[in-house]
Amino acid sequence: MTRTDMRQLLLDWLDDNYHFGEAATLIPSDDASFLDNGILDSLGFVALIVYLEDKFHITIDRKSLNRENFDSLNKILSFVLPRLGA
């Protein structure tokens, strides 16, 4: 999976589950904080982690669940893609 494909997958998931087609317009840049910009709250992050684990058959160590790894598109992409061999 390419970075572009994964980025679109994340935007589609956000649209389907939280922002109903508005995710791309609500995220000012790929470095924008999901928490600070109201894109996801703590329960939304849990749902995202469960989705990623189920979709890609990976386990995300609970110690890795922090803002440094999951608070923006770029951070998620940088964390998840290497675990997929991308």
PDB file of N, CA and C in Angstrom:
ATOM      1  N   MET A   1       0.845  -1.175   0.000  1.00  0.00           N
ATOM      2  CA  MET A   1       0.000   0.000   0.000  1.00  0.00           C
ATOM      3  C   MET A   1       0.890   1.237   0.000  1.00  0.00           C
ATOM      4  N   THR A   2       0.577   2.161  -0.861  1.00  0.00           N
ATOM      5  CA  THR A   2       1.360   3.392  -0.943  1.00  0.00           C
ATOM      6  C   THR A   2       0.904   4.382   0.127  1.00  0.00           C
ATOM      7  N   ARG A   3       1.741   5.366   0.349  1.00  0.00           N
ATOM      8  CA  ARG A   3       1.400   6.430   1.306  1.00  0.00           C
ATOM      9  C   ARG A   3       0.123   7.147   0.860  1.00  0.00           C
ATOM     10  N   THR A   4      -0.014   7.395  -0.429  1.00  0.00           N
ATOM     11  CA  THR A   4      -1.195   8.064  -0.961  1.00  0.00           C
ATOM     12  C   THR A   4      -2.447   7.214  -0.736  1.00  0.00           C
ATOM     13  N   ASP A   5      -2.332   5.907  -0.973  1.00  0.00           N
ATOM     14  CA  ASP A   5      -3.463   5.005  -0.752  1.00  0.00           C
ATOM     15  C   ASP A   5      -3.868   4.984   0.721  1.00  0.00           C
ATOM     16  N   MET A   6      -2.877   4.895   1.596  1.00  0.00           N
ATOM     17  CA  MET A   6      -3.168   4.857   3.033  1.00  0.00           C
ATOM     18  C   MET A   6      -3.778   6.178   3.493  1.00  0.00           C
ATOM     19  N   ARG A   7      -3.272   7.283   2.984  1.00  0.00           N
ATOM     20  CA  ARG A   7      -3.826   8.591   3.332  1.00  0.00           C
ATOM     21  C   ARG A   7      -5.303   8.645   2.961  1.00  0.00           C
ATOM     22  N   GLN A   8      -5.624   8.190   1.740  1.00  0.00           N
ATOM     23  CA  GLN A   8      -7.017   8.202   1.297  1.00  0.00           C
ATOM     24  C   GLN A   8      -7.873   7.254   2.127  1.00  0.00           C
ATOM     25  N   LEU A   9      -7.319   6.122   2.491  1.00  0.00           N
ATOM     26  CA  LEU A   9      -8.030   5.169   3.343  1.00  0.00           C
ATOM     27  C   LEU A   9      -8.396   5.814   4.687  1.00  0.00           C
ATOM     28  N   LEU A  10      -7.456   6.549   5.274  1.00  0.00           N
ATOM     29  CA  LEU A  10      -7.714   7.238   6.535  1.00  0.00           C
ATOM     30  C   LEU A  10      -8.783   8.318   6.374  1.00  0.00           C
ATOM     31  N   LEU A  11      -8.689   9.092   5.303  1.00  0.00           N
ATOM     32  CA  LEU A  11      -9.710  10.127   5.060  1.00  0.00           C
ATOM     33  C   LEU A  11     -11.079   9.497   4.854  1.00  0.00           C
ATOM     34  N   ASP A  12     -11.123   8.395   4.109  1.00  0.00           N
ATOM     35  CA  ASP A  12     -12.400   7.707   3.889  1.00  0.00           C
ATOM     36  C   ASP A  12     -12.969   7.196   5.214  1.00  0.00           C
ATOM     37  N   TRP A  13     -12.114   6.640   6.068  1.00  0.00           N
ATOM     38  CA  TRP A  13     -12.577   6.152   7.367  1.00  0.00           C
ATOM     39  C   TRP A  13     -13.120   7.314   8.211  1.00  0.00           C
ATOM     40  N   LEU A  14     -12.403   8.423   8.228  1.00  0.00           N
ATOM     41  CA  LEU A  14     -12.882   9.598   8.966  1.00  0.00           C
ATOM     42  C   LEU A  14     -14.230  10.065   8.429  1.00  0.00           C
ATOM     43  N   ASP A  15     -14.362  10.085   7.104  1.00  0.00           N
ATOM     44  CA  ASP A  15     -15.633  10.492   6.498  1.00  0.00           C
ATOM     45  C   ASP A  15     -16.757   9.527   6.852  1.00  0.00           C
ATOM     46  N   ASP A  16     -16.491   8.251   6.750  1.00  0.00           N
ATOM     47  CA  ASP A  16     -17.520   7.238   7.005  1.00  0.00           C
ATOM     48  C   ASP A  16     -17.961   7.194   8.455  1.00  0.00           C
ATOM     49  N   ASN A  17     -17.049   7.512   9.370  1.00  0.00           N
ATOM     50  CA  ASN A  17     -17.337   7.324  10.788  1.00  0.00           C
ATOM     51  C   ASN A  17     -17.555   8.599  11.592  1.00  0.00           C
ATOM     52  N   TYR A  18     -17.046   9.725  11.112  1.00  0.00           N
ATOM     53  CA  TYR A  18     -17.116  10.937  11.932  1.00  0.00           C
ATOM     54  C   TYR A  18     -17.505  12.208  11.179  1.00  0.00           C
ATOM     55  N   HIS A  19     -17.021  12.390   9.972  1.00  0.00           N
ATOM     56  CA  HIS A  19     -17.146  13.711   9.352  1.00  0.00           C
ATOM     57  C   HIS A  19     -17.971  13.755   8.073  1.00  0.00           C
ATOM     58  N   PHE A  20     -18.539  12.629   7.680  1.00  0.00           N
ATOM     59  CA  PHE A  20     -19.538  12.576   6.622  1.00  0.00           C
ATOM     60  C   PHE A  20     -19.162  13.369   5.372  1.00  0.00           C
ATOM     61  N   GLY A  21     -17.991  13.066   4.852  1.00  0.00           N
ATOM     62  CA  GLY A  21     -17.541  13.691   3.616  1.00  0.00           C
ATOM     63  C   GLY A  21     -16.782  14.990   3.784  1.00  0.00           C
ATOM     64  N   GLU A  22     -16.560  15.409   4.995  1.00  0.00           N
ATOM     65  CA  GLU A  22     -15.918  16.702   5.248  1.00  0.00           C
ATOM     66  C   GLU A  22     -14.486  16.591   5.773  1.00  0.00           C
ATOM     67  N   ALA A  23     -13.965  15.400   5.962  1.00  0.00           N
ATOM     68  CA  ALA A  23     -12.650  15.231   6.604  1.00  0.00           C
ATOM     69  C   ALA A  23     -11.556  16.007   5.887  1.00  0.00           C
ATOM     70  N   ALA A  24     -11.502  15.898   4.581  1.00  0.00           N
ATOM     71  CA  ALA A  24     -10.431  16.569   3.831  1.00  0.00           C
ATOM     72  C   ALA A  24     -10.476  18.079   4.006  1.00  0.00           C
ATOM     73  N   THR A  25     -11.655  18.650   4.132  1.00  0.00           N
ATOM     74  CA  THR A  25     -11.749  20.095   4.301  1.00  0.00           C
ATOM     75  C   THR A  25     -11.509  20.525   5.748  1.00  0.00           C
ATOM     76  N   LEU A  26     -11.742  19.613   6.698  1.00  0.00           N
ATOM     77  CA  LEU A  26     -11.531  19.932   8.111  1.00  0.00           C
ATOM     78  C   LEU A  26     -10.072  19.825   8.538  1.00  0.00           C
ATOM     79  N   ILE A  27      -9.271  19.118   7.749  1.00  0.00           N
ATOM     80  CA  ILE A  27      -7.862  18.935   8.085  1.00  0.00           C
ATOM     81  C   ILE A  27      -7.045  19.917   7.253  1.00  0.00           C
ATOM     82  N   PRO A  28      -6.540  20.993   7.871  1.00  0.00           N
ATOM     83  CA  PRO A  28      -5.851  22.039   7.117  1.00  0.00           C
ATOM     84  C   PRO A  28      -4.528  21.584   6.483  1.00  0.00           C
ATOM     85  N   SER A  29      -3.886  20.588   7.062  1.00  0.00           N
ATOM     86  CA  SER A  29      -2.658  20.036   6.484  1.00  0.00           C
ATOM     87  C   SER A  29      -2.461  18.640   7.046  1.00  0.00           C
ATOM     88  N   ASP A  30      -1.594  17.871   6.429  1.00  0.00           N
ATOM     89  CA  ASP A  30      -1.338  16.510   6.902  1.00  0.00           C
ATOM     90  C   ASP A  30      -0.607  16.486   8.236  1.00  0.00           C
ATOM     91  N   ASP A  31      -0.115  17.634   8.678  1.00  0.00           N
ATOM     92  CA  ASP A  31       0.540  17.739   9.981  1.00  0.00           C
ATOM     93  C   ASP A  31      -0.383  18.302  11.058  1.00  0.00           C
ATOM     94  N   ALA A  32      -1.609  18.632  10.709  1.00  0.00           N
ATOM     95  CA  ALA A  32      -2.548  19.230  11.655  1.00  0.00           C
ATOM     96  C   ALA A  32      -2.941  18.225  12.735  1.00  0.00           C
ATOM     97  N   SER A  33      -2.963  18.682  13.964  1.00  0.00           N
ATOM     98  CA  SER A  33      -3.324  17.846  15.106  1.00  0.00           C
ATOM     99  C   SER A  33      -4.794  17.452  15.046  1.00  0.00           C
ATOM    100  N   PHE A  34      -5.052  16.144  15.141  1.00  0.00           N
ATOM    101  CA  PHE A  34      -6.419  15.665  15.176  1.00  0.00           C
ATOM    102  C   PHE A  34      -7.119  16.123  16.460  1.00  0.00           C
ATOM    103  N   LEU A  35      -6.412  16.091  17.572  1.00  0.00           N
ATOM    104  CA  LEU A  35      -7.012  16.515  18.841  1.00  0.00           C
ATOM    105  C   LEU A  35      -7.268  18.015  18.859  1.00  0.00           C
ATOM    106  N   ASP A  36      -6.256  18.793  18.531  1.00  0.00           N
ATOM    107  CA  ASP A  36      -6.376  20.250  18.608  1.00  0.00           C
ATOM    108  C   ASP A  36      -7.404  20.813  17.630  1.00  0.00           C
ATOM    109  N   ASN A  37      -7.610  20.109  16.504  1.00  0.00           N
ATOM    110  CA  ASN A  37      -8.554  20.583  15.488  1.00  0.00           C
ATOM    111  C   ASN A  37      -9.915  19.888  15.568  1.00  0.00           C
ATOM    112  N   GLY A  38     -10.122  19.082  16.609  1.00  0.00           N
ATOM    113  CA  GLY A  38     -11.411  18.435  16.800  1.00  0.00           C
ATOM    114  C   GLY A  38     -11.734  17.364  15.767  1.00  0.00           C
ATOM    115  N   ILE A  39     -10.717  16.807  15.135  1.00  0.00           N
ATOM    116  CA  ILE A  39     -10.938  15.762  14.134  1.00  0.00           C
ATOM    117  C   ILE A  39     -11.335  14.449  14.819  1.00  0.00           C
ATOM    118  N   LEU A  40     -10.627  14.095  15.873  1.00  0.00           N
ATOM    119  CA  LEU A  40     -10.940  12.911  16.672  1.00  0.00           C
ATOM    120  C   LEU A  40     -10.798  13.232  18.148  1.00  0.00           C
ATOM    121  N   ASP A  41     -11.621  12.577  18.956  1.00  0.00           N
ATOM    122  CA  ASP A  41     -11.457  12.642  20.400  1.00  0.00           C
ATOM    123  C   ASP A  41     -10.865  11.308  20.852  1.00  0.00           C
ATOM    124  N   SER A  42     -10.759  11.098  22.146  1.00  0.00           N
ATOM    125  CA  SER A  42     -10.098   9.889  22.641  1.00  0.00           C
ATOM    126  C   SER A  42     -10.826   8.617  22.201  1.00  0.00           C
ATOM    127  N   LEU A  43     -12.141   8.618  22.190  1.00  0.00           N
ATOM    128  CA  LEU A  43     -12.871   7.445  21.726  1.00  0.00           C
ATOM    129  C   LEU A  43     -12.691   7.230  20.231  1.00  0.00           C
ATOM    130  N   GLY A  44     -12.572   8.310  19.498  1.00  0.00           N
ATOM    131  CA  GLY A  44     -12.307   8.206  18.067  1.00  0.00           C
ATOM    132  C   GLY A  44     -10.958   7.564  17.786  1.00  0.00           C
ATOM    133  N   PHE A  45      -9.974   7.887  18.610  1.00  0.00           N
ATOM    134  CA  PHE A  45      -8.659   7.261  18.449  1.00  0.00           C
ATOM    135  C   PHE A  45      -8.728   5.769  18.727  1.00  0.00           C
ATOM    136  N   VAL A  46      -9.506   5.381  19.722  1.00  0.00           N
ATOM    137  CA  VAL A  46      -9.665   3.955  20.015  1.00  0.00           C
ATOM    138  C   VAL A  46     -10.295   3.253  18.811  1.00  0.00           C
ATOM    139  N   ALA A  47     -11.333   3.844  18.249  1.00  0.00           N
ATOM    140  CA  ALA A  47     -11.990   3.264  17.081  1.00  0.00           C
ATOM    141  C   ALA A  47     -11.025   3.177  15.901  1.00  0.00           C
ATOM    142  N   LEU A  48     -10.210   4.201  15.711  1.00  0.00           N
ATOM    143  CA  LEU A  48      -9.222   4.187  14.630  1.00  0.00           C
ATOM    144  C   LEU A  48      -8.206   3.068  14.820  1.00  0.00           C
ATOM    145  N   ILE A  49      -7.714   2.895  16.024  1.00  0.00           N
ATOM    146  CA  ILE A  49      -6.729   1.846  16.301  1.00  0.00           C
ATOM    147  C   ILE A  49      -7.339   0.475  16.036  1.00  0.00           C
ATOM    148  N   VAL A  50      -8.555   0.257  16.499  1.00  0.00           N
ATOM    149  CA  VAL A  50      -9.233  -1.021  16.261  1.00  0.00           C
ATOM    150  C   VAL A  50      -9.398  -1.258  14.758  1.00  0.00           C
ATOM    151  N   TYR A  51      -9.789  -0.231  14.038  1.00  0.00           N
ATOM    152  CA  TYR A  51      -9.935  -0.340  12.585  1.00  0.00           C
ATOM    153  C   TYR A  51      -8.611  -0.726  11.922  1.00  0.00           C
ATOM    154  N   LEU A  52      -7.534  -0.020  12.263  1.00  0.00           N
ATOM    155  CA  LEU A  52      -6.234  -0.306  11.655  1.00  0.00           C
ATOM    156  C   LEU A  52      -5.760  -1.723  11.976  1.00  0.00           C
ATOM    157  N   GLU A  53      -5.960  -2.137  13.218  1.00  0.00           N
ATOM    158  CA  GLU A  53      -5.550  -3.492  13.599  1.00  0.00           C
ATOM    159  C   GLU A  53      -6.354  -4.543  12.831  1.00  0.00           C
ATOM    160  N   ASP A  54      -7.648  -4.344  12.718  1.00  0.00           N
ATOM    161  CA  ASP A  54      -8.496  -5.299  12.003  1.00  0.00           C
ATOM    162  C   ASP A  54      -8.229  -5.285  10.499  1.00  0.00           C
ATOM    163  N   LYS A  55      -8.129  -4.115   9.934  1.00  0.00           N
ATOM    164  CA  LYS A  55      -7.947  -3.974   8.483  1.00  0.00           C
ATOM    165  C   LYS A  55      -6.630  -4.585   8.016  1.00  0.00           C
ATOM    166  N   PHE A  56      -5.568  -4.353   8.778  1.00  0.00           N
ATOM    167  CA  PHE A  56      -4.239  -4.762   8.324  1.00  0.00           C
ATOM    168  C   PHE A  56      -3.652  -5.942   9.100  1.00  0.00           C
ATOM    169  N   HIS A  57      -4.445  -6.495   9.999  1.00  0.00           N
ATOM    170  CA  HIS A  57      -3.995  -7.665  10.771  1.00  0.00           C
ATOM    171  C   HIS A  57      -2.663  -7.387  11.469  1.00  0.00           C
ATOM    172  N   ILE A  58      -2.629  -6.243  12.127  1.00  0.00           N
ATOM    173  CA  ILE A  58      -1.446  -5.851  12.891  1.00  0.00           C
ATOM    174  C   ILE A  58      -1.863  -5.631  14.338  1.00  0.00           C
ATOM    175  N   THR A  59      -0.892  -5.640  15.213  1.00  0.00           N
ATOM    176  CA  THR A  59      -1.128  -5.295  16.610  1.00  0.00           C
ATOM    177  C   THR A  59      -0.366  -4.014  16.900  1.00  0.00           C
ATOM    178  N   ILE A  60      -1.058  -3.054  17.449  1.00  0.00           N
ATOM    179  CA  ILE A  60      -0.433  -1.786  17.806  1.00  0.00           C
ATOM    180  C   ILE A  60      -0.244  -1.786  19.311  1.00  0.00           C
ATOM    181  N   ASP A  61       0.991  -1.775  19.718  1.00  0.00           N
ATOM    182  CA  ASP A  61       1.352  -1.794  21.137  1.00  0.00           C
ATOM    183  C   ASP A  61       0.719  -0.596  21.842  1.00  0.00           C
ATOM    184  N   ARG A  62       0.032  -0.857  22.918  1.00  0.00           N
ATOM    185  CA  ARG A  62      -0.660   0.213  23.645  1.00  0.00           C
ATOM    186  C   ARG A  62       0.291   1.303  24.123  1.00  0.00           C
ATOM    187  N   LYS A  63       1.561   0.985  24.312  1.00  0.00           N
ATOM    188  CA  LYS A  63       2.542   2.010  24.700  1.00  0.00           C
ATOM    189  C   LYS A  63       2.785   3.006  23.570  1.00  0.00           C
ATOM    190  N   SER A  64       2.431   2.619  22.343  1.00  0.00           N
ATOM    191  CA  SER A  64       2.624   3.481  21.175  1.00  0.00           C
ATOM    192  C   SER A  64       1.462   4.436  20.949  1.00  0.00           C
ATOM    193  N   LEU A  65       0.394   4.267  21.701  1.00  0.00           N
ATOM    194  CA  LEU A  65      -0.798   5.099  21.519  1.00  0.00           C
ATOM    195  C   LEU A  65      -0.603   6.441  22.196  1.00  0.00           C
ATOM    196  N   ASN A  66      -0.067   7.364  21.442  1.00  0.00           N
ATOM    197  CA  ASN A  66       0.197   8.697  21.972  1.00  0.00           C
ATOM    198  C   ASN A  66       0.148   9.705  20.834  1.00  0.00           C
ATOM    199  N   ARG A  67       0.217  10.959  21.192  1.00  0.00           N
ATOM    200  CA  ARG A  67       0.142  12.032  20.192  1.00  0.00           C
ATOM    201  C   ARG A  67       1.309  11.999  19.218  1.00  0.00           C
ATOM    202  N   GLU A  68       2.455  11.515  19.667  1.00  0.00           N
ATOM    203  CA  GLU A  68       3.631  11.474  18.794  1.00  0.00           C
ATOM    204  C   GLU A  68       3.427  10.516  17.621  1.00  0.00           C
ATOM    205  N   ASN A  69       2.560   9.531  17.779  1.00  0.00           N
ATOM    206  CA  ASN A  69       2.348   8.532  16.732  1.00  0.00           C
ATOM    207  C   ASN A  69       1.006   8.633  16.012  1.00  0.00           C
ATOM    208  N   PHE A  70       0.006   9.270  16.610  1.00  0.00           N
ATOM    209  CA  PHE A  70      -1.346   9.188  16.058  1.00  0.00           C
ATOM    210  C   PHE A  70      -2.109  10.501  15.998  1.00  0.00           C
ATOM    211  N   ASP A  71      -1.461  11.650  16.141  1.00  0.00           N
ATOM    212  CA  ASP A  71      -2.204  12.901  16.222  1.00  0.00           C
ATOM    213  C   ASP A  71      -2.296  13.678  14.910  1.00  0.00           C
ATOM    214  N   SER A  72      -1.904  13.091  13.799  1.00  0.00           N
ATOM    215  CA  SER A  72      -2.056  13.741  12.500  1.00  0.00           C
ATOM    216  C   SER A  72      -1.977  12.681  11.414  1.00  0.00           C
ATOM    217  N   LEU A  73      -2.369  13.048  10.222  1.00  0.00           N
ATOM    218  CA  LEU A  73      -2.240  12.107   9.111  1.00  0.00           C
ATOM    219  C   LEU A  73      -0.790  11.664   8.945  1.00  0.00           C
ATOM    220  N   ASN A  74       0.128  12.618   8.923  1.00  0.00           N
ATOM    221  CA  ASN A  74       1.533  12.264   8.719  1.00  0.00           C
ATOM    222  C   ASN A  74       2.071  11.348   9.819  1.00  0.00           C
ATOM    223  N   LYS A  75       1.684  11.609  11.046  1.00  0.00           N
ATOM    224  CA  LYS A  75       2.168  10.774  12.152  1.00  0.00           C
ATOM    225  C   LYS A  75       1.621   9.353  12.041  1.00  0.00           C
ATOM    226  N   ILE A  76       0.348   9.227  11.689  1.00  0.00           N
ATOM    227  CA  ILE A  76      -0.241   7.899  11.528  1.00  0.00           C
ATOM    228  C   ILE A  76       0.426   7.164  10.371  1.00  0.00           C
ATOM    229  N   LEU A  77       0.582   7.850   9.263  1.00  0.00           N
ATOM    230  CA  LEU A  77       1.224   7.231   8.102  1.00  0.00           C
ATOM    231  C   LEU A  77       2.636   6.780   8.432  1.00  0.00           C
ATOM    232  N   SER A  78       3.384   7.620   9.108  1.00  0.00           N
ATOM    233  CA  SER A  78       4.767   7.287   9.467  1.00  0.00           C
ATOM    234  C   SER A  78       4.847   6.131  10.452  1.00  0.00           C
ATOM    235  N   PHE A  79       3.827   5.984  11.274  1.00  0.00           N
ATOM    236  CA  PHE A  79       3.831   4.903  12.248  1.00  0.00           C
ATOM    237  C   PHE A  79       3.346   3.585  11.636  1.00  0.00           C
ATOM    238  N   VAL A  80       2.270   3.645  10.869  1.00  0.00           N
ATOM    239  CA  VAL A  80       1.629   2.413  10.387  1.00  0.00           C
ATOM    240  C   VAL A  80       2.320   1.828   9.158  1.00  0.00           C
ATOM    241  N   LEU A  81       2.665   2.643   8.189  1.00  0.00           N
ATOM    242  CA  LEU A  81       3.206   2.101   6.930  1.00  0.00           C
ATOM    243  C   LEU A  81       4.424   1.186   7.113  1.00  0.00           C
ATOM    244  N   PRO A  82       5.392   1.530   7.962  1.00  0.00           N
ATOM    245  CA  PRO A  82       6.519   0.602   8.135  1.00  0.00           C
ATOM    246  C   PRO A  82       6.092  -0.754   8.700  1.00  0.00           C
ATOM    247  N   ARG A  83       5.018  -0.786   9.452  1.00  0.00           N
ATOM    248  CA  ARG A  83       4.516  -2.032  10.015  1.00  0.00           C
ATOM    249  C   ARG A  83       3.822  -2.903   8.972  1.00  0.00           C
ATOM    250  N   LEU A  84       3.532  -2.304   7.820  1.00  0.00           N
ATOM    251  CA  LEU A  84       2.909  -3.031   6.724  1.00  0.00           C
ATOM    252  C   LEU A  84       3.937  -3.439   5.672  1.00  0.00           C
ATOM    253  N   GLY A  85       5.192  -3.094   5.931  1.00  0.00           N
ATOM    254  CA  GLY A  85       6.227  -3.385   4.958  1.00  0.00           C
ATOM    255  C   GLY A  85       6.248  -2.408   3.791  1.00  0.00           C
ATOM    256  N   ALA A  86       5.611  -1.259   3.971  1.00  0.00           N
ATOM    257  CA  ALA A  86       5.548  -0.260   2.895  1.00  0.00           C
ATOM    258  C   ALA A  86       6.715   0.716   2.994  1.00  0.00           C
TER     259      ALA A  86
END
